Amino acid sequence: MSSGNSWWSALTTGGGILASFGAAACCALPLALVSAGIGTAWLGGISPIVAPYREPLLIVAALLLLVGAVQVTRQFRRARSCPADAACASPTYRYATLAGLVIGLGLLVGAFFYG
């Protein structure tokens, strides 16, 4: 697994999480945080800024998360053919990226349905 591919996967996953966060900041994120017992007063300053850009943020988030998912799928496939003692055999990075994709997807679904 090349470091460029890992870098690209991290970039797309991080971008997808940030775009999903922006899209969810107006509606879904405050609801989820209040349900978890976490205060949402700090989101009051973010919501008016990102509300007009909700639809483009949803599209960007979906595309970035999709590209991130393709990259992680490729990494899992390459890891199957990787020698056990090679750097590409370590699953830590792949599972961390997969967890990021799941978080981003959760934010994206929340933003889509509660917006």
C-alpha atoms as a PDB file:
ATOM      1  CA  MET A   1       0.000   0.000   0.000  1.00  0.00           C
ATOM      2  CA  SER A   2       1.548   3.283  -1.028  1.00  0.00           C
ATOM      3  CA  SER A   3       1.654   6.261   1.311  1.00  0.00           C
ATOM      4  CA  GLY A   4       0.023   8.413  -1.387  1.00  0.00           C
ATOM      5  CA  ASN A   5      -3.005   6.151  -1.416  1.00  0.00           C
ATOM      6  CA  SER A   6      -3.246   6.299   2.390  1.00  0.00           C
ATOM      7  CA  TRP A   7      -2.932  10.068   2.295  1.00  0.00           C
ATOM      8  CA  TRP A   8      -5.694  10.331  -0.299  1.00  0.00           C
ATOM      9  CA  SER A   9      -7.966   8.061   1.742  1.00  0.00           C
ATOM     10  CA  ALA A  10      -7.433  10.149   4.881  1.00  0.00           C
ATOM     11  CA  LEU A  11      -8.027  13.376   2.974  1.00  0.00           C
ATOM     12  CA  THR A  12     -11.299  12.226   1.433  1.00  0.00           C
ATOM     13  CA  THR A  13     -12.556  10.751   4.694  1.00  0.00           C
ATOM     14  CA  GLY A  14     -11.668  13.880   6.666  1.00  0.00           C
ATOM     15  CA  GLY A  15     -13.213  16.117   4.034  1.00  0.00           C
ATOM     16  CA  GLY A  16     -16.366  14.013   4.037  1.00  0.00           C
ATOM     17  CA  ILE A  17     -16.632  14.259   7.823  1.00  0.00           C
ATOM     18  CA  LEU A  18     -16.154  18.043   7.748  1.00  0.00           C
ATOM     19  CA  ALA A  19     -18.683  18.537   4.951  1.00  0.00           C
ATOM     20  CA  SER A  20     -21.178  16.264   6.725  1.00  0.00           C
ATOM     21  CA  PHE A  21     -20.630  18.206   9.944  1.00  0.00           C
ATOM     22  CA  GLY A  22     -21.330  21.454   8.125  1.00  0.00           C
ATOM     23  CA  ALA A  23     -24.490  20.111   6.548  1.00  0.00           C
ATOM     24  CA  ALA A  24     -25.713  18.640   9.858  1.00  0.00           C
ATOM     25  CA  ALA A  25     -24.888  21.729  11.960  1.00  0.00           C
ATOM     26  CA  CYS A  26     -28.275  23.375  11.448  1.00  0.00           C
ATOM     27  CA  CYS A  27     -30.659  20.576  12.373  1.00  0.00           C
ATOM     28  CA  ALA A  28     -29.492  17.018  12.902  1.00  0.00           C
ATOM     29  CA  LEU A  29     -26.357  17.657  14.942  1.00  0.00           C
ATOM     30  CA  PRO A  30     -28.024  19.773  17.665  1.00  0.00           C
ATOM     31  CA  LEU A  31     -30.791  17.173  17.979  1.00  0.00           C
ATOM     32  CA  ALA A  32     -28.287  14.322  18.295  1.00  0.00           C
ATOM     33  CA  LEU A  33     -26.111  16.180  20.801  1.00  0.00           C
ATOM     34  CA  VAL A  34     -29.076  17.192  22.978  1.00  0.00           C
ATOM     35  CA  SER A  35     -30.251  13.575  22.916  1.00  0.00           C
ATOM     36  CA  ALA A  36     -26.821  12.567  24.210  1.00  0.00           C
ATOM     37  CA  GLY A  37     -26.981  15.219  26.942  1.00  0.00           C
ATOM     38  CA  ILE A  38     -24.375  17.523  25.415  1.00  0.00           C
ATOM     39  CA  GLY A  39     -25.003  21.267  25.157  1.00  0.00           C
ATOM     40  CA  THR A  40     -25.364  22.810  21.716  1.00  0.00           C
ATOM     41  CA  ALA A  41     -25.043  26.534  22.414  1.00  0.00           C
ATOM     42  CA  TRP A  42     -21.764  26.672  20.477  1.00  0.00           C
ATOM     43  CA  LEU A  43     -23.575  25.561  17.305  1.00  0.00           C
ATOM     44  CA  GLY A  44     -25.611  28.776  17.314  1.00  0.00           C
ATOM     45  CA  GLY A  45     -22.753  30.629  15.633  1.00  0.00           C
ATOM     46  CA  ILE A  46     -22.166  27.952  13.004  1.00  0.00           C
ATOM     47  CA  SER A  47     -25.743  27.291  11.889  1.00  0.00           C
ATOM     48  CA  PRO A  48     -26.485  30.641  10.194  1.00  0.00           C
ATOM     49  CA  ILE A  49     -23.211  30.483   8.296  1.00  0.00           C
ATOM     50  CA  VAL A  50     -23.615  26.981   6.854  1.00  0.00           C
ATOM     51  CA  ALA A  51     -27.422  26.907   6.411  1.00  0.00           C
ATOM     52  CA  PRO A  52     -27.391  28.522   2.918  1.00  0.00           C
ATOM     53  CA  TYR A  53     -24.780  25.980   1.775  1.00  0.00           C
ATOM     54  CA  ARG A  54     -26.574  22.878   3.053  1.00  0.00           C
ATOM     55  CA  GLU A  55     -27.307  21.287  -0.347  1.00  0.00           C
ATOM     56  CA  PRO A  56     -23.803  21.778  -1.798  1.00  0.00           C
ATOM     57  CA  LEU A  57     -22.317  20.476   1.462  1.00  0.00           C
ATOM     58  CA  LEU A  58     -24.495  17.376   1.232  1.00  0.00           C
ATOM     59  CA  ILE A  59     -23.295  16.721  -2.319  1.00  0.00           C
ATOM     60  CA  VAL A  60     -19.624  17.329  -1.470  1.00  0.00           C
ATOM     61  CA  ALA A  61     -19.876  15.156   1.649  1.00  0.00           C
ATOM     62  CA  ALA A  62     -21.496  12.303  -0.263  1.00  0.00           C
ATOM     63  CA  LEU A  63     -18.861  12.414  -3.013  1.00  0.00           C
ATOM     64  CA  LEU A  64     -15.921  12.589  -0.601  1.00  0.00           C
ATOM     65  CA  LEU A  65     -17.274   9.768   1.554  1.00  0.00           C
ATOM     66  CA  LEU A  66     -17.865   7.663  -1.555  1.00  0.00           C
ATOM     67  CA  VAL A  67     -14.284   8.205  -2.751  1.00  0.00           C
ATOM     68  CA  GLY A  68     -13.027   7.440   0.762  1.00  0.00           C
ATOM     69  CA  ALA A  69     -15.037   4.208   0.809  1.00  0.00           C
ATOM     70  CA  VAL A  70     -13.575   3.169  -2.559  1.00  0.00           C
ATOM     71  CA  GLN A  71     -10.061   3.863  -1.258  1.00  0.00           C
ATOM     72  CA  VAL A  72     -10.616   1.844   1.922  1.00  0.00           C
ATOM     73  CA  THR A  73     -12.079  -1.027  -0.108  1.00  0.00           C
ATOM     74  CA  ARG A  74      -8.947  -1.036  -2.265  1.00  0.00           C
ATOM     75  CA  GLN A  75      -6.764  -0.999   0.851  1.00  0.00           C
ATOM     76  CA  PHE A  76      -8.609  -4.002   2.304  1.00  0.00           C
ATOM     77  CA  ARG A  77      -8.202  -5.889  -0.993  1.00  0.00           C
ATOM     78  CA  ARG A  78      -4.470  -5.100  -1.158  1.00  0.00           C
ATOM     79  CA  ALA A  79      -4.009  -6.164   2.457  1.00  0.00           C
ATOM     80  CA  ARG A  80      -5.217  -9.671   1.623  1.00  0.00           C
ATOM     81  CA  SER A  81      -2.275 -10.192  -0.720  1.00  0.00           C
ATOM     82  CA  CYS A  82       0.235  -8.441   1.542  1.00  0.00           C
ATOM     83  CA  PRO A  83       2.918 -10.445   3.420  1.00  0.00           C
ATOM     84  CA  ALA A  84       2.228 -10.695   7.153  1.00  0.00           C
ATOM     85  CA  ASP A  85       5.380  -8.804   8.159  1.00  0.00           C
ATOM     86  CA  ALA A  86       4.936  -5.896   5.697  1.00  0.00           C
ATOM     87  CA  ALA A  87       3.641  -2.443   6.624  1.00  0.00           C
ATOM     88  CA  CYS A  88       0.479  -2.885   4.540  1.00  0.00           C
ATOM     89  CA  ALA A  89      -0.590  -5.811   6.747  1.00  0.00           C
ATOM     90  CA  SER A  90      -1.314  -3.524   9.727  1.00  0.00           C
ATOM     91  CA  PRO A  91      -5.092  -3.056   9.994  1.00  0.00           C
ATOM     92  CA  THR A  92      -5.001  -0.073  12.379  1.00  0.00           C
ATOM     93  CA  TYR A  93      -5.110   2.650   9.731  1.00  0.00           C
ATOM     94  CA  ARG A  94      -7.741   0.880   7.654  1.00  0.00           C
ATOM     95  CA  TYR A  95     -10.079   0.428  10.625  1.00  0.00           C
ATOM     96  CA  ALA A  96      -9.557   4.022  11.797  1.00  0.00           C
ATOM     97  CA  THR A  97     -10.454   5.257   8.310  1.00  0.00           C
ATOM     98  CA  LEU A  98     -13.457   2.940   8.251  1.00  0.00           C
ATOM     99  CA  ALA A  99     -14.617   4.363  11.609  1.00  0.00           C
ATOM    100  CA  GLY A 100     -14.272   7.878  10.176  1.00  0.00           C
ATOM    101  CA  LEU A 101     -16.367   6.905   7.176  1.00  0.00           C
ATOM    102  CA  VAL A 102     -19.090   5.529   9.442  1.00  0.00           C
ATOM    103  CA  ILE A 103     -19.114   8.757  11.511  1.00  0.00           C
ATOM    104  CA  GLY A 104     -19.288  10.846   8.342  1.00  0.00           C
ATOM    105  CA  LEU A 105     -22.074   8.685   6.948  1.00  0.00           C
ATOM    106  CA  GLY A 106     -24.039   9.052  10.174  1.00  0.00           C
ATOM    107  CA  LEU A 107     -23.721  12.835  10.030  1.00  0.00           C
ATOM    108  CA  LEU A 108     -24.645  12.840   6.345  1.00  0.00           C
ATOM    109  CA  VAL A 109     -27.764  10.726   6.855  1.00  0.00           C
ATOM    110  CA  GLY A 110     -28.787  12.908   9.800  1.00  0.00           C
ATOM    111  CA  ALA A 111     -28.295  16.074   7.787  1.00  0.00           C
ATOM    112  CA  PHE A 112     -30.270  14.667   4.878  1.00  0.00           C
ATOM    113  CA  PHE A 113     -33.287  13.441   6.863  1.00  0.00           C
ATOM    114  CA  TYR A 114     -33.501  16.150   9.542  1.00  0.00           C
ATOM    115  CA  GLY A 115     -32.721  19.144   7.348  1.00  0.00           C
END
